[in-house]
Amino acid sequence: MFLLREVHPNDLDDLEKLAKFLNTVNLPADRDRLQMLIETSRNSFEQSLEHKDREYVFVLIHTDTQQLIGTCMIIAQHGTYRRPSVYFNVQEEQKYSETLDKYFVHQVLQLHFNYDGPTEIGGLILHPDYQGHTQKLGKILSFVRFLFIGMHRTWFRETIIAELLPPLKADGTSELWNCLGANFTGLDYTTADKLSRQNVEFIRSLFPQTAIYTALLPEPVRERIGQVGAPTKPVEKMLKGIGFRNNNSIDPFDGGPTFAVATDQCELIKRVQRANFSGEIPANVTPDGQALVATEHHADDVRFRAILADYILTPQGLSLRSPNLQCLQIPIGSPIVFLPLNGLDLEDLYGVKLT
């Protein structure tokens, strides 16, 4: 019995507890920042912000206990005039000496800023007690973002990205930052990471604008640039399964890779369909499969609701079967949006963070 909906102000305490499990960049374990994020999300769902300023936060609720057990988010535009996104392009540079007859291909990092950025998915956290659940709750949390983008395609950018974590030190800090960023800013990783959530001006002002040769870094650090950490491997596999590819850029703080897909080429978004609700599936009828099903309401406090349900699609509409069906609050004939999950052979996600 699980329901996905948008975050509410009274979710703050539960969201703070959940954020402490991972303390992500997009969803930090910082009460003041979370309160601001909740307000931004509410204004986003109410469409009172410009598209580029919207951040949508979804929560997963165990309806039997009303416990908040998971969360995820969509950043409508990662990189704006007020807060550009910052990243290193990972490039190759060839060198040859005729005198020595020596040839090298160097890896170089080139700093870039994006003021007109893509849509970003991130902030996925699932409570440890529910990881490995038979309903694959991590997958449901991840997929609801693509369902929502499919529902409102014009609200989002032409590209979607996900920033994945690399192997980090035992204390959660980055060796790349210790060898690179700390030398240019005089800041430790934790301080710089926290500051960057609101302002990246110090990166623009203090980092070199010329290419940085990674040959100057220690070998263990070089080997981790652009690599995906072991806990995030299931996310990488899932993203590749729906069309994402490594775009040869990395986070300048931890060196984690960015994966990207053209929004209209994302397999999950291409699957999103619309229909009218035609009632419950009779008990003796075999469904077509399972789908993530969503409705939107504009007359009450819950704007967005989604559940996992069995479905049958006919010319008369979409029939559903779920013990949680009443949570959607949909009368016969109401419009409904659904994402069929049939044939998706994707690994479950166990509460790992995308960014």
Protein backbone atom coordinates (compact mmCIF):
# COMPACT_ATOMS: atom_id res chain seq x y z
CA MET A 1 0.00 0.00 0.00
CA PHE A 2 2.14 2.83 -1.31
CA LEU A 3 1.28 6.27 -2.69
CA LEU A 4 3.46 8.76 -4.54
CA ARG A 5 2.54 12.43 -4.18
CA GLU A 6 4.20 15.84 -4.08
CA VAL A 7 5.92 16.91 -0.87
CA HIS A 8 3.90 18.90 1.71
CA PRO A 9 5.08 21.40 4.34
CA ASN A 10 4.15 18.97 7.13
CA ASP A 11 6.58 16.43 5.63
CA LEU A 12 9.58 18.46 6.81
CA ASP A 13 10.41 16.35 9.88
CA ASP A 14 10.21 13.06 7.98
CA LEU A 15 12.11 14.45 5.01
CA GLU A 16 14.90 15.65 7.26
CA LYS A 17 15.21 12.19 8.84
CA LEU A 18 15.30 10.59 5.40
CA ALA A 19 17.87 13.06 4.03
CA LYS A 20 20.29 12.12 6.81
CA PHE A 21 20.71 8.66 5.29
CA LEU A 22 22.56 10.08 2.28
CA ASN A 23 22.81 13.90 2.55
CA THR A 24 22.82 14.50 -1.20
CA VAL A 25 23.69 17.73 -2.99
CA ASN A 26 20.12 18.16 -4.21
CA LEU A 27 18.53 16.93 -0.99
CA PRO A 28 20.85 17.89 1.87
CA ALA A 29 20.31 17.03 5.52
CA ASP A 30 19.86 20.71 6.26
CA ARG A 31 16.50 21.69 7.76
CA ASP A 32 16.51 25.27 6.48
CA ARG A 33 17.48 24.17 2.97
CA LEU A 34 14.83 21.44 3.02
CA GLN A 35 12.17 23.92 4.12
CA MET A 36 13.10 26.17 1.20
CA LEU A 37 13.04 23.19 -1.14
CA ILE A 38 9.57 22.16 0.03
CA GLU A 39 8.30 25.68 -0.58
CA THR A 40 9.88 25.74 -4.04
CA SER A 41 8.34 22.36 -4.85
CA ARG A 42 4.88 23.46 -3.72
CA ASN A 43 5.12 26.58 -5.86
CA SER A 44 6.35 24.45 -8.76
CA PHE A 45 3.36 22.10 -8.62
CA GLU A 46 1.07 25.12 -8.31
CA GLN A 47 2.76 26.59 -11.43
CA SER A 48 3.48 29.90 -9.70
CA LEU A 49 7.17 29.85 -10.68
CA GLU A 50 8.75 30.19 -14.11
CA HIS A 51 9.58 26.81 -15.63
CA LYS A 52 13.34 27.33 -15.24
CA ASP A 53 13.01 27.92 -11.49
CA ARG A 54 10.90 24.87 -10.70
CA GLU A 55 12.05 21.94 -8.59
CA TYR A 56 9.57 19.12 -8.08
CA VAL A 57 9.95 16.93 -5.00
CA PHE A 58 8.00 13.66 -4.81
CA VAL A 59 7.56 11.51 -1.72
CA LEU A 60 6.64 7.86 -1.29
CA ILE A 61 4.12 7.19 1.48
CA HIS A 62 3.32 3.87 3.17
CA THR A 63 -0.44 4.36 3.31
CA ASP A 64 -0.98 1.90 6.18
CA THR A 65 1.26 3.90 8.52
CA GLN A 66 1.41 7.27 6.69
CA GLN A 67 5.20 7.01 7.00
CA LEU A 68 7.30 8.89 4.47
CA ILE A 69 9.73 6.24 3.22
CA GLY A 70 11.25 7.66 0.05
CA THR A 71 11.78 10.75 -2.05
CA CYS A 72 13.06 11.88 -5.44
CA MET A 73 13.07 15.10 -7.43
CA ILE A 74 13.23 16.84 -10.80
CA ILE A 75 15.16 20.07 -11.34
CA ALA A 76 13.42 21.59 -14.34
CA GLN A 77 16.53 23.47 -15.47
CA HIS A 78 19.97 22.74 -14.05
CA GLY A 79 21.90 25.86 -15.00
CA THR A 80 20.35 29.33 -15.11
CA TYR A 81 21.55 32.94 -15.26
CA ARG A 82 21.40 33.24 -11.46
CA ARG A 83 22.99 29.87 -10.75
CA PRO A 84 24.86 28.34 -13.68
CA SER A 85 25.80 24.69 -13.59
CA VAL A 86 29.53 24.01 -13.49
CA TYR A 87 31.35 20.97 -14.81
CA PHE A 88 34.57 19.69 -16.34
CA ASN A 89 34.52 18.45 -19.89
CA VAL A 90 36.79 15.40 -20.10
CA GLN A 91 38.76 15.69 -23.31
CA GLU A 92 41.79 14.21 -25.02
CA GLU A 93 44.79 16.13 -26.28
CA GLN A 94 47.40 14.50 -28.52
CA LYS A 95 51.11 15.33 -28.27
CA TYR A 96 53.97 14.12 -30.50
CA SER A 97 57.68 14.84 -30.53
CA GLU A 98 59.45 14.12 -33.80
CA THR A 99 62.81 14.51 -32.06
CA LEU A 100 62.01 11.84 -29.48
CA ASP A 101 59.53 9.93 -31.63
CA LYS A 102 57.16 9.91 -28.68
CA TYR A 103 53.39 10.15 -28.85
CA PHE A 104 51.01 10.81 -25.93
CA VAL A 105 47.26 11.13 -25.57
CA HIS A 106 46.61 13.26 -22.52
CA GLN A 107 43.36 13.45 -20.60
CA VAL A 108 42.51 17.09 -19.88
CA LEU A 109 39.77 18.74 -17.84
CA GLN A 110 38.23 21.94 -19.20
CA LEU A 111 36.00 24.00 -16.91
CA HIS A 112 32.60 25.01 -18.33
CA PHE A 113 29.52 26.86 -17.13
CA ASN A 114 26.00 26.41 -18.46
CA TYR A 115 23.47 29.23 -18.07
CA ASP A 116 20.78 27.50 -20.16
CA GLY A 117 20.99 24.00 -18.78
CA PRO A 118 19.14 20.71 -19.12
CA THR A 119 16.56 19.09 -16.85
CA GLU A 120 18.14 17.06 -14.04
CA ILE A 121 16.84 14.08 -12.10
CA GLY A 122 18.25 13.45 -8.64
CA GLY A 123 17.63 13.31 -4.92
CA LEU A 124 16.50 9.67 -4.87
CA ILE A 125 16.47 8.21 -1.36
CA LEU A 126 14.66 5.10 -0.13
CA HIS A 127 14.51 4.27 3.57
CA PRO A 128 16.83 1.31 4.31
CA ASP A 129 13.96 -0.70 5.85
CA TYR A 130 12.23 -0.76 2.44
CA GLN A 131 15.20 -1.49 0.23
CA GLY A 132 14.76 -4.81 -1.54
CA HIS A 133 10.96 -4.68 -1.16
CA THR A 134 9.03 -7.02 -3.46
CA GLN A 135 7.31 -4.05 -5.13
CA LYS A 136 10.71 -2.63 -6.11
CA LEU A 137 10.06 0.73 -4.53
CA GLY A 138 13.34 2.25 -5.67
CA LYS A 139 12.35 1.65 -9.27
CA ILE A 140 8.92 3.21 -8.68
CA LEU A 141 10.55 6.27 -7.12
CA SER A 142 12.90 6.64 -10.05
CA PHE A 143 10.23 6.11 -12.71
CA VAL A 144 7.68 8.59 -11.34
CA ARG A 145 9.92 11.44 -12.50
CA PHE A 146 9.83 10.23 -16.10
CA LEU A 147 6.07 9.75 -15.88
CA PHE A 148 5.69 13.34 -14.70
CA ILE A 149 7.98 14.69 -17.43
CA GLY A 150 5.90 12.75 -19.96
CA MET A 151 2.72 14.28 -18.52
CA HIS A 152 4.10 17.81 -18.91
CA ARG A 153 6.66 17.55 -21.67
CA THR A 154 6.70 21.29 -22.49
CA TRP A 155 7.71 22.15 -18.93
CA PHE A 156 11.08 20.49 -19.33
CA ARG A 157 14.22 20.82 -21.43
CA GLU A 158 15.33 18.95 -24.54
CA THR A 159 17.91 16.97 -22.55
CA ILE A 160 17.75 15.20 -19.19
CA ILE A 161 20.87 14.55 -17.12
CA ALA A 162 21.73 12.54 -14.04
CA GLU A 163 24.94 13.11 -12.08
CA LEU A 164 26.27 9.87 -10.58
CA LEU A 165 28.58 9.43 -7.65
CA PRO A 166 32.11 8.11 -8.15
CA PRO A 167 34.01 6.02 -5.59
CA LEU A 168 34.48 8.27 -2.57
CA LYS A 169 36.66 8.09 0.52
CA ALA A 170 35.35 6.34 3.63
CA ASP A 171 34.35 9.70 5.13
CA GLY A 172 32.34 10.62 2.02
CA THR A 173 34.81 13.19 0.72
CA SER A 174 36.54 13.35 -2.65
CA GLU A 175 40.21 12.70 -3.41
CA LEU A 176 39.83 14.71 -6.62
CA TRP A 177 38.78 17.76 -4.64
CA ASN A 178 41.63 17.30 -2.18
CA CYS A 179 44.15 17.22 -5.05
CA LEU A 180 42.57 19.88 -7.22
CA GLY A 181 39.77 22.09 -5.94
CA ALA A 182 41.19 22.54 -2.46
CA ASN A 183 44.41 23.95 -3.93
CA PHE A 184 42.52 26.59 -5.94
CA THR A 185 39.95 27.60 -3.33
CA GLY A 186 41.51 26.90 0.07
CA LEU A 187 38.25 25.11 1.03
CA ASP A 188 37.77 21.57 2.22
CA TYR A 189 35.37 19.34 0.31
CA THR A 190 32.46 19.58 2.74
CA THR A 191 32.60 23.38 2.94
CA ALA A 192 32.91 23.80 -0.83
CA ASP A 193 30.14 21.30 -1.51
CA LYS A 194 27.76 23.11 0.85
CA LEU A 195 28.61 26.54 -0.57
CA SER A 196 28.11 25.34 -4.15
CA ARG A 197 24.49 24.45 -3.46
CA GLN A 198 23.70 28.16 -3.48
CA ASN A 199 26.56 29.84 -5.32
CA VAL A 200 29.31 28.75 -7.73
CA GLU A 201 30.90 32.19 -8.16
CA PHE A 202 33.97 31.09 -6.21
CA ILE A 203 34.58 28.34 -8.77
CA ARG A 204 34.37 30.79 -11.65
CA SER A 205 36.69 33.25 -9.93
CA LEU A 206 39.31 30.89 -8.49
CA PHE A 207 39.53 27.85 -10.78
CA PRO A 208 41.86 28.01 -13.81
CA GLN A 209 40.14 28.67 -17.13
CA THR A 210 42.84 26.77 -19.03
CA ALA A 211 42.82 23.00 -19.50
CA ILE A 212 44.09 20.92 -16.57
CA TYR A 213 46.21 17.89 -17.46
CA THR A 214 45.25 14.93 -15.29
CA ALA A 215 48.76 13.50 -15.74
CA LEU A 216 49.71 15.94 -12.97
CA LEU A 217 47.39 14.17 -10.51
CA PRO A 218 48.25 11.04 -8.51
CA GLU A 219 47.43 7.84 -10.37
CA PRO A 220 44.73 6.65 -7.88
CA VAL A 221 42.92 9.95 -8.38
CA ARG A 222 43.19 9.78 -12.17
CA GLU A 223 41.75 6.27 -12.18
CA ARG A 224 38.59 7.41 -10.40
CA ILE A 225 37.77 10.34 -12.68
CA GLY A 226 34.44 9.67 -14.39
CA GLN A 227 34.01 6.28 -12.72
CA VAL A 228 30.74 5.16 -11.12
CA GLY A 229 30.94 4.04 -7.49
CA ALA A 230 29.87 0.50 -6.66
CA PRO A 231 26.69 1.52 -4.76
CA THR A 232 25.54 3.54 -7.79
CA LYS A 233 26.10 0.81 -10.38
CA PRO A 234 22.40 -0.24 -10.40
CA VAL A 235 21.48 3.36 -11.24
CA GLU A 236 23.97 3.38 -14.11
CA LYS A 237 22.49 0.16 -15.47
CA MET A 238 18.95 1.50 -15.21
CA LEU A 239 19.84 4.76 -16.93
CA LYS A 240 21.59 2.99 -19.79
CA GLY A 241 18.54 0.76 -20.17
CA ILE A 242 16.31 3.75 -20.89
CA GLY A 243 18.68 5.58 -23.23
CA PHE A 244 21.11 7.57 -21.06
CA ARG A 245 24.77 7.70 -22.04
CA ASN A 246 27.91 9.13 -20.46
CA ASN A 247 28.38 12.63 -21.92
CA ASN A 248 32.10 12.92 -21.02
CA SER A 249 31.65 15.52 -18.33
CA ILE A 250 32.27 15.25 -14.60
CA ASP A 251 31.38 17.06 -11.41
CA PRO A 252 34.29 19.35 -10.44
CA PHE A 253 33.87 18.50 -6.76
CA ASP A 254 33.89 14.69 -6.74
CA GLY A 255 34.70 13.70 -10.34
CA GLY A 256 31.50 11.72 -10.78
CA PRO A 257 30.21 11.27 -14.35
CA THR A 258 27.13 12.84 -15.92
CA PHE A 259 24.75 10.72 -17.98
CA ALA A 260 22.38 12.36 -20.47
CA VAL A 261 19.55 11.51 -22.85
CA ALA A 262 17.49 13.50 -25.33
CA THR A 263 14.18 13.90 -23.53
CA ASP A 264 12.07 12.66 -26.44
CA GLN A 265 14.34 9.62 -26.86
CA CYS A 266 14.07 8.43 -23.25
CA GLU A 267 12.44 5.01 -23.31
CA LEU A 268 10.25 5.66 -20.26
CA ILE A 269 8.97 9.02 -21.50
CA LYS A 270 8.16 7.48 -24.89
CA ARG A 271 6.00 4.92 -23.07
CA VAL A 272 3.79 7.46 -21.26
CA GLN A 273 0.15 7.26 -22.40
CA ARG A 274 -3.16 8.99 -21.65
CA ALA A 275 -6.61 7.49 -21.33
CA ASN A 276 -9.89 7.87 -19.46
CA PHE A 277 -10.53 5.73 -16.38
CA SER A 278 -13.10 3.06 -17.21
CA GLY A 279 -13.38 1.32 -13.84
CA GLU A 280 -11.89 -1.60 -11.94
CA ILE A 281 -10.67 -4.79 -13.58
CA PRO A 282 -13.04 -7.67 -12.73
CA ALA A 283 -11.51 -10.27 -10.41
CA ASN A 284 -11.66 -13.02 -13.04
CA VAL A 285 -9.91 -11.02 -15.77
CA THR A 286 -6.14 -11.19 -16.42
CA PRO A 287 -4.55 -7.73 -16.75
CA ASP A 288 -2.27 -6.62 -19.57
CA GLY A 289 0.47 -5.90 -17.05
CA GLN A 290 1.51 -3.37 -14.44
CA ALA A 291 1.78 0.39 -14.82
CA LEU A 292 2.66 3.43 -12.82
CA VAL A 293 -0.59 5.40 -12.89
CA ALA A 294 -1.03 9.10 -12.07
CA THR A 295 -3.77 11.69 -11.72
CA GLU A 296 -3.71 15.40 -11.02
CA HIS A 297 -6.16 17.40 -8.92
CA HIS A 298 -6.43 21.16 -8.74
CA ALA A 299 -9.22 21.54 -6.20
CA ASP A 300 -7.55 20.11 -3.09
CA ASP A 301 -4.23 20.10 -1.26
CA VAL A 302 -2.80 17.06 -3.07
CA ARG A 303 -2.04 18.06 -6.65
CA PHE A 304 -0.37 14.86 -7.84
CA ARG A 305 -1.02 11.22 -6.96
CA ALA A 306 0.49 8.04 -8.43
CA ILE A 307 0.29 4.34 -7.59
CA LEU A 308 1.43 1.02 -9.02
CA ALA A 309 -1.53 -0.88 -10.49
CA ASP A 310 -2.51 -3.70 -12.81
CA TYR A 311 -4.11 -2.36 -15.98
CA ILE A 312 -6.08 -3.22 -19.10
CA LEU A 313 -6.29 -0.75 -21.98
CA THR A 314 -9.34 -1.03 -24.27
CA PRO A 315 -11.08 1.35 -26.68
CA GLN A 316 -13.37 2.20 -23.75
CA GLY A 317 -10.48 3.38 -21.60
CA LEU A 318 -8.10 2.21 -18.88
CA SER A 319 -9.26 -0.30 -16.27
CA LEU A 320 -7.22 -0.72 -13.10
CA ARG A 321 -6.76 -3.08 -10.19
CA SER A 322 -4.93 -2.12 -7.01
CA PRO A 323 -5.61 -2.29 -3.26
CA ASN A 324 -4.59 1.38 -3.28
CA LEU A 325 -6.90 2.46 -6.08
CA GLN A 326 -9.01 4.66 -3.81
CA CYS A 327 -5.95 6.87 -3.23
CA LEU A 328 -6.24 8.20 -6.78
CA GLN A 329 -9.74 9.56 -6.12
CA ILE A 330 -10.81 9.25 -9.74
CA PRO A 331 -14.42 8.94 -10.93
CA ILE A 332 -15.27 6.96 -14.06
CA GLY A 333 -14.38 8.90 -17.19
CA SER A 334 -11.65 10.98 -15.56
CA PRO A 335 -8.38 11.51 -17.47
CA ILE A 336 -5.45 9.42 -16.30
CA VAL A 337 -1.81 9.09 -17.34
CA PHE A 338 0.09 5.83 -17.12
CA LEU A 339 3.53 4.36 -17.73
CA PRO A 340 3.38 0.66 -18.67
CA LEU A 341 6.17 -1.34 -17.07
CA ASN A 342 5.74 -4.48 -19.19
CA GLY A 343 8.98 -5.73 -20.70
CA LEU A 344 11.29 -3.47 -18.72
CA ASP A 345 14.16 -5.70 -17.59
CA LEU A 346 15.83 -3.23 -15.28
CA GLU A 347 17.59 -3.76 -11.97
CA ASP A 348 15.96 -2.43 -8.85
CA LEU A 349 17.38 0.65 -7.15
CA TYR A 350 18.31 0.41 -3.51
CA GLY A 351 18.26 3.94 -2.20
CA VAL A 352 21.43 5.10 -3.92
CA LYS A 353 21.87 8.74 -4.79
CA LEU A 354 22.13 10.17 -8.27
CA THR A 355 23.82 13.37 -7.16
